[in-house]
PDB file of N, CA and C in Angstrom:
ATOM      1  N   MET A   1       0.725  -1.482  -0.232  1.00  0.00           N
ATOM      2  CA  MET A   1       0.080  -0.055  -0.399  1.00  0.00           C
ATOM      3  C   MET A   1       0.723   1.577   0.228  1.00  0.00           C
ATOM      4  N   THR A   2       0.854   2.170  -0.741  1.00  0.00           N
ATOM      5  CA  THR A   2       1.190   3.526  -0.935  1.00  0.00           C
ATOM      6  C   THR A   2       0.959   4.592  -0.249  1.00  0.00           C
ATOM      7  N   SER A   3       1.209   5.420   0.075  1.00  0.00           N
ATOM      8  CA  SER A   3       0.492   6.171   0.468  1.00  0.00           C
ATOM      9  C   SER A   3       0.738   7.765   0.275  1.00  0.00           C
ATOM     10  N   LYS A   4       0.349   8.725  -0.302  1.00  0.00           N
ATOM     11  CA  LYS A   4       0.270   9.604  -0.918  1.00  0.00           C
ATOM     12  C   LYS A   4       1.203  11.190  -0.120  1.00  0.00           C
ATOM     13  N   LEU A   5       2.086  11.579  -0.389  1.00  0.00           N
ATOM     14  CA  LEU A   5       2.626  12.794   0.868  1.00  0.00           C
ATOM     15  C   LEU A   5       1.996  14.045   0.157  1.00  0.00           C
ATOM     16  N   ASN A   6       1.275  13.978   1.678  1.00  0.00           N
ATOM     17  CA  ASN A   6       1.086  15.688   1.786  1.00  0.00           C
ATOM     18  C   ASN A   6       1.639  16.718   0.744  1.00  0.00           C
ATOM     19  N   PRO A   7       1.491  18.145  -0.187  1.00  0.00           N
ATOM     20  CA  PRO A   7       2.828  18.341  -0.367  1.00  0.00           C
ATOM     21  C   PRO A   7       3.359  19.643   0.210  1.00  0.00           C
ATOM     22  N   LEU A   8       3.120  19.441   1.395  1.00  0.00           N
ATOM     23  CA  LEU A   8       3.518  20.026   2.313  1.00  0.00           C
ATOM     24  C   LEU A   8       4.817  19.612   3.215  1.00  0.00           C
ATOM     25  N   LYS A   9       3.885  18.157   3.288  1.00  0.00           N
ATOM     26  CA  LYS A   9       5.278  17.233   3.975  1.00  0.00           C
ATOM     27  C   LYS A   9       6.428  17.004   2.947  1.00  0.00           C
ATOM     28  N   LEU A  10       5.604  17.015   1.191  1.00  0.00           N
ATOM     29  CA  LEU A  10       6.773  16.348   0.957  1.00  0.00           C
ATOM     30  C   LEU A  10       7.681  17.961   0.106  1.00  0.00           C
ATOM     31  N   ALA A  11       7.844  18.960   0.094  1.00  0.00           N
ATOM     32  CA  ALA A  11       8.264  19.967   0.151  1.00  0.00           C
ATOM     33  C   ALA A  11       9.252  19.949   1.359  1.00  0.00           C
ATOM     34  N   ARG A  12       8.998  19.801   2.699  1.00  0.00           N
ATOM     35  CA  ARG A  12       9.510  19.836   3.061  1.00  0.00           C
ATOM     36  C   ARG A  12      11.176  18.838   2.875  1.00  0.00           C
ATOM     37  N   LEU A  13      10.720  17.388   3.209  1.00  0.00           N
ATOM     38  CA  LEU A  13      11.337  16.461   3.065  1.00  0.00           C
ATOM     39  C   LEU A  13      12.672  16.931   1.509  1.00  0.00           C
ATOM     40  N   GLU A  14      11.843  17.895   0.557  1.00  0.00           N
ATOM     41  CA  GLU A  14      12.609  18.003  -0.546  1.00  0.00           C
ATOM     42  C   GLU A  14      13.950  18.856  -0.189  1.00  0.00           C
ATOM     43  N   GLN A  15      13.562  19.853   0.767  1.00  0.00           N
ATOM     44  CA  GLN A  15      15.081  20.582   0.974  1.00  0.00           C
ATOM     45  C   GLN A  15      15.650  19.792   2.621  1.00  0.00           C
ATOM     46  N   GLY A  16      14.882  18.822   2.705  1.00  0.00           N
ATOM     47  CA  GLY A  16      15.844  17.474   3.736  1.00  0.00           C
ATOM     48  C   GLY A  16      15.809  17.892   5.609  1.00  0.00           C
ATOM     49  N   LEU A  17      14.212  18.969   5.681  1.00  0.00           N
ATOM     50  CA  LEU A  17      14.617  19.586   7.119  1.00  0.00           C
ATOM     51  C   LEU A  17      13.452  18.585   7.448  1.00  0.00           C
ATOM     52  N   SER A  18      13.931  18.197   8.834  1.00  0.00           N
ATOM     53  CA  SER A  18      12.901  17.531   9.797  1.00  0.00           C
ATOM     54  C   SER A  18      11.427  18.576  10.869  1.00  0.00           C
ATOM     55  N   GLN A  19      10.642  17.847  10.882  1.00  0.00           N
ATOM     56  CA  GLN A  19       9.553  19.050  11.489  1.00  0.00           C
ATOM     57  C   GLN A  19       9.904  20.171  12.402  1.00  0.00           C
ATOM     58  N   TRP A  20      11.369  19.793  13.616  1.00  0.00           N
ATOM     59  CA  TRP A  20      11.953  19.675  13.765  1.00  0.00           C
ATOM     60  C   TRP A  20      12.260  21.246  13.995  1.00  0.00           C
ATOM     61  N   ALA A  21      13.232  21.447  12.800  1.00  0.00           N
ATOM     62  CA  ALA A  21      14.427  22.029  11.790  1.00  0.00           C
ATOM     63  C   ALA A  21      13.145  23.246  11.421  1.00  0.00           C
ATOM     64  N   VAL A  22      12.162  23.173  10.749  1.00  0.00           N
ATOM     65  CA  VAL A  22      11.978  23.927  10.554  1.00  0.00           C
ATOM     66  C   VAL A  22      10.360  25.134  11.485  1.00  0.00           C
ATOM     67  N   ALA A  23      10.154  24.120  13.025  1.00  0.00           N
ATOM     68  CA  ALA A  23      10.210  24.812  13.872  1.00  0.00           C
ATOM     69  C   ALA A  23      11.058  25.435  14.560  1.00  0.00           C
ATOM     70  N   ARG A  24      12.377  25.878  14.786  1.00  0.00           N
ATOM     71  CA  ARG A  24      13.320  26.529  14.361  1.00  0.00           C
ATOM     72  C   ARG A  24      13.852  27.182  13.781  1.00  0.00           C
ATOM     73  N   GLU A  25      13.170  27.784  12.557  1.00  0.00           N
ATOM     74  CA  GLU A  25      13.743  28.314  12.048  1.00  0.00           C
ATOM     75  C   GLU A  25      12.320  29.459  11.287  1.00  0.00           C
ATOM     76  N   THR A  26      11.418  28.874  11.565  1.00  0.00           N
ATOM     77  CA  THR A  26      10.087  29.761  11.924  1.00  0.00           C
ATOM     78  C   THR A  26       9.132  30.392  12.540  1.00  0.00           C
ATOM     79  N   GLY A  27       9.536  29.537  13.206  1.00  0.00           N
ATOM     80  CA  GLY A  27       9.026  29.590  15.329  1.00  0.00           C
ATOM     81  C   GLY A  27       7.725  29.399  15.887  1.00  0.00           C
ATOM     82  N   ILE A  28       7.266  28.325  13.888  1.00  0.00           N
ATOM     83  CA  ILE A  28       5.470  27.758  14.340  1.00  0.00           C
ATOM     84  C   ILE A  28       6.099  26.432  15.368  1.00  0.00           C
ATOM     85  N   HIS A  29       5.363  25.716  16.234  1.00  0.00           N
ATOM     86  CA  HIS A  29       5.528  24.785  17.187  1.00  0.00           C
ATOM     87  C   HIS A  29       5.374  23.698  16.069  1.00  0.00           C
ATOM     88  N   GLN A  30       6.247  23.144  16.910  1.00  0.00           N
ATOM     89  CA  GLN A  30       6.414  20.739  16.101  1.00  0.00           C
ATOM     90  C   GLN A  30       5.613  20.826  15.615  1.00  0.00           C
ATOM     91  N   SER A  31       4.440  20.656  16.788  1.00  0.00           N
ATOM     92  CA  SER A  31       3.364  19.610  17.264  1.00  0.00           C
ATOM     93  C   SER A  31       1.943  20.407  16.262  1.00  0.00           C
ATOM     94  N   THR A  32       2.651  22.157  15.555  1.00  0.00           N
ATOM     95  CA  THR A  32       1.315  22.358  14.651  1.00  0.00           C
ATOM     96  C   THR A  32       2.049  22.224  13.065  1.00  0.00           C
ATOM     97  N   ILE A  33       3.305  22.332  13.102  1.00  0.00           N
ATOM     98  CA  ILE A  33       3.491  21.703  11.253  1.00  0.00           C
ATOM     99  C   ILE A  33       3.224  19.855  11.607  1.00  0.00           C
ATOM    100  N   SER A  34       3.486  18.984  12.086  1.00  0.00           N
ATOM    101  CA  SER A  34       2.564  17.992  12.526  1.00  0.00           C
ATOM    102  C   SER A  34       1.271  18.438  11.500  1.00  0.00           C
ATOM    103  N   LEU A  35       0.353  18.816  12.490  1.00  0.00           N
ATOM    104  CA  LEU A  35      -0.931  18.873  12.784  1.00  0.00           C
ATOM    105  C   LEU A  35      -0.866  19.409  10.820  1.00  0.00           C
ATOM    106  N   TYR A  36      -0.308  20.650  10.383  1.00  0.00           N
ATOM    107  CA  TYR A  36      -0.749  21.017   9.173  1.00  0.00           C
ATOM    108  C   TYR A  36      -0.427  20.135   8.169  1.00  0.00           C
ATOM    109  N   GLU A  37       0.839  19.827   8.026  1.00  0.00           N
ATOM    110  CA  GLU A  37       0.886  18.161   6.879  1.00  0.00           C
ATOM    111  C   GLU A  37       0.174  17.095   7.383  1.00  0.00           C
ATOM    112  N   GLN A  38      -0.619  16.767   8.130  1.00  0.00           N
ATOM    113  CA  GLN A  38      -1.201  15.654   8.575  1.00  0.00           C
ATOM    114  C   GLN A  38      -3.077  16.184   8.383  1.00  0.00           C
ATOM    115  N   GLY A  39      -3.096  17.433   7.676  1.00  0.00           N
ATOM    116  CA  GLY A  39      -4.154  18.029   6.673  1.00  0.00           C
ATOM    117  C   GLY A  39      -5.577  18.256   8.416  1.00  0.00           C
ATOM    118  N   TYR A  40      -4.862  17.900   9.717  1.00  0.00           N
ATOM    119  CA  TYR A  40      -5.511  17.980  10.420  1.00  0.00           C
ATOM    120  C   TYR A  40      -6.930  19.613  10.549  1.00  0.00           C
ATOM    121  N   LYS A  41      -5.453  20.274  10.506  1.00  0.00           N
ATOM    122  CA  LYS A  41      -5.021  22.014  11.162  1.00  0.00           C
ATOM    123  C   LYS A  41      -4.784  23.136   9.923  1.00  0.00           C
ATOM    124  N   ASP A  42      -6.109  23.732   9.811  1.00  0.00           N
ATOM    125  CA  ASP A  42      -5.793  25.036   8.040  1.00  0.00           C
ATOM    126  C   ASP A  42      -4.253  26.063   8.846  1.00  0.00           C
ATOM    127  N   PRO A  43      -3.279  26.090   7.972  1.00  0.00           N
ATOM    128  CA  PRO A  43      -2.501  27.458   8.632  1.00  0.00           C
ATOM    129  C   PRO A  43      -3.665  28.471   8.775  1.00  0.00           C
ATOM    130  N   LYS A  44      -2.633  29.451   9.850  1.00  0.00           N
ATOM    131  CA  LYS A  44      -3.017  30.448   9.471  1.00  0.00           C
ATOM    132  C   LYS A  44      -2.427  30.780   8.265  1.00  0.00           C
ATOM    133  N   PRO A  45      -3.470  32.148   7.722  1.00  0.00           N
ATOM    134  CA  PRO A  45      -1.895  33.305   6.121  1.00  0.00           C
ATOM    135  C   PRO A  45      -0.880  32.924   6.218  1.00  0.00           C
ATOM    136  N   GLU A  46      -0.857  33.149   7.781  1.00  0.00           N
ATOM    137  CA  GLU A  46       1.632  33.659   7.962  1.00  0.00           C
ATOM    138  C   GLU A  46       1.767  33.228   7.800  1.00  0.00           C
ATOM    139  N   HIS A  47       1.076  31.471   8.449  1.00  0.00           N
ATOM    140  CA  HIS A  47       2.001  30.815   8.765  1.00  0.00           C
ATOM    141  C   HIS A  47       2.559  29.935   7.262  1.00  0.00           C
ATOM    142  N   LYS A  48       0.684  30.200   5.760  1.00  0.00           N
ATOM    143  CA  LYS A  48       1.405  29.394   4.978  1.00  0.00           C
ATOM    144  C   LYS A  48       2.172  30.324   4.118  1.00  0.00           C
ATOM    145  N   GLU A  49       2.650  31.150   4.403  1.00  0.00           N
ATOM    146  CA  GLU A  49       3.352  32.338   4.201  1.00  0.00           C
ATOM    147  C   GLU A  49       4.758  31.728   4.172  1.00  0.00           C
ATOM    148  N   THR A  50       5.101  31.958   5.509  1.00  0.00           N
ATOM    149  CA  THR A  50       6.298  31.683   6.173  1.00  0.00           C
ATOM    150  C   THR A  50       6.715  30.148   5.301  1.00  0.00           C
ATOM    151  N   LEU A  51       5.978  29.596   5.794  1.00  0.00           N
ATOM    152  CA  LEU A  51       6.315  27.952   5.481  1.00  0.00           C
ATOM    153  C   LEU A  51       6.809  27.777   3.505  1.00  0.00           C
ATOM    154  N   ALA A  52       6.203  28.688   2.898  1.00  0.00           N
ATOM    155  CA  ALA A  52       6.435  28.332   1.446  1.00  0.00           C
ATOM    156  C   ALA A  52       7.413  29.582   1.565  1.00  0.00           C
ATOM    157  N   LYS A  53       7.440  30.827   2.133  1.00  0.00           N
ATOM    158  CA  LYS A  53       8.731  30.924   1.738  1.00  0.00           C
ATOM    159  C   LYS A  53      10.357  29.625   1.740  1.00  0.00           C
ATOM    160  N   LEU A  54      10.259  29.311   3.367  1.00  0.00           N
ATOM    161  CA  LEU A  54      11.007  28.242   3.436  1.00  0.00           C
ATOM    162  C   LEU A  54      11.372  27.864   2.809  1.00  0.00           C
ATOM    163  N   TYR A  55       9.719  27.033   2.101  1.00  0.00           N
ATOM    164  CA  TYR A  55      10.547  25.789   1.361  1.00  0.00           C
ATOM    165  C   TYR A  55      10.880  26.119  -0.596  1.00  0.00           C
ATOM    166  N   GLY A  56      10.844  27.005  -0.652  1.00  0.00           N
ATOM    167  CA  GLY A  56      11.291  28.199  -1.808  1.00  0.00           C
ATOM    168  C   GLY A  56       9.994  27.916  -2.439  1.00  0.00           C
ATOM    169  N   LYS A  57       8.654  27.930  -2.050  1.00  0.00           N
ATOM    170  CA  LYS A  57       7.116  27.711  -2.716  1.00  0.00           C
ATOM    171  C   LYS A  57       6.341  28.766  -3.092  1.00  0.00           C
ATOM    172  N   LYS A  58       5.746  28.505  -4.011  1.00  0.00           N
ATOM    173  CA  LYS A  58       4.127  29.255  -3.913  1.00  0.00           C
ATOM    174  C   LYS A  58       2.987  28.763  -2.919  1.00  0.00           C
ATOM    175  N   VAL A  59       2.264  29.264  -2.070  1.00  0.00           N
ATOM    176  CA  VAL A  59       1.886  28.869  -1.264  1.00  0.00           C
ATOM    177  C   VAL A  59       0.642  28.778  -2.255  1.00  0.00           C
ATOM    178  N   GLU A  60       0.031  28.903  -3.008  1.00  0.00           N
ATOM    179  CA  GLU A  60      -1.257  27.854  -4.395  1.00  0.00           C
ATOM    180  C   GLU A  60      -0.445  26.721  -4.612  1.00  0.00           C
ATOM    181  N   GLU A  61       1.181  26.775  -4.178  1.00  0.00           N
ATOM    182  CA  GLU A  61       1.785  25.112  -4.968  1.00  0.00           C
ATOM    183  C   GLU A  61       1.647  23.498  -3.553  1.00  0.00           C
ATOM    184  N   LEU A  62       1.137  24.362  -2.174  1.00  0.00           N
ATOM    185  CA  LEU A  62       0.974  23.570  -1.387  1.00  0.00           C
ATOM    186  C   LEU A  62       0.198  24.019  -0.700  1.00  0.00           C
ATOM    187  N   TRP A  63      -1.153  24.671  -0.567  1.00  0.00           N
ATOM    188  CA  TRP A  63      -3.290  24.527  -0.696  1.00  0.00           C
ATOM    189  C   TRP A  63      -3.073  25.045  -1.816  1.00  0.00           C
ATOM    190  N   LYS A  64      -4.362  23.696  -2.289  1.00  0.00           N
ATOM    191  CA  LYS A  64      -4.636  24.326  -3.362  1.00  0.00           C
ATOM    192  C   LYS A  64      -6.051  24.146  -2.912  1.00  0.00           C
TER     193      LYS A  64
END
């Protein structure tokens, strides 16, 4: 069985970053990043911008 990676998680993995590293870089708590990646929580607009910038992506690429 193959699971499809969430675009947000895929972008993080492409950068070679752990959730903890992203938390340190952005100030967004690691557990919150996990909730975003699992789709349990919708990010605040400012968090979307911050994460997209860190991953070198456009917001629209990460959240459809």
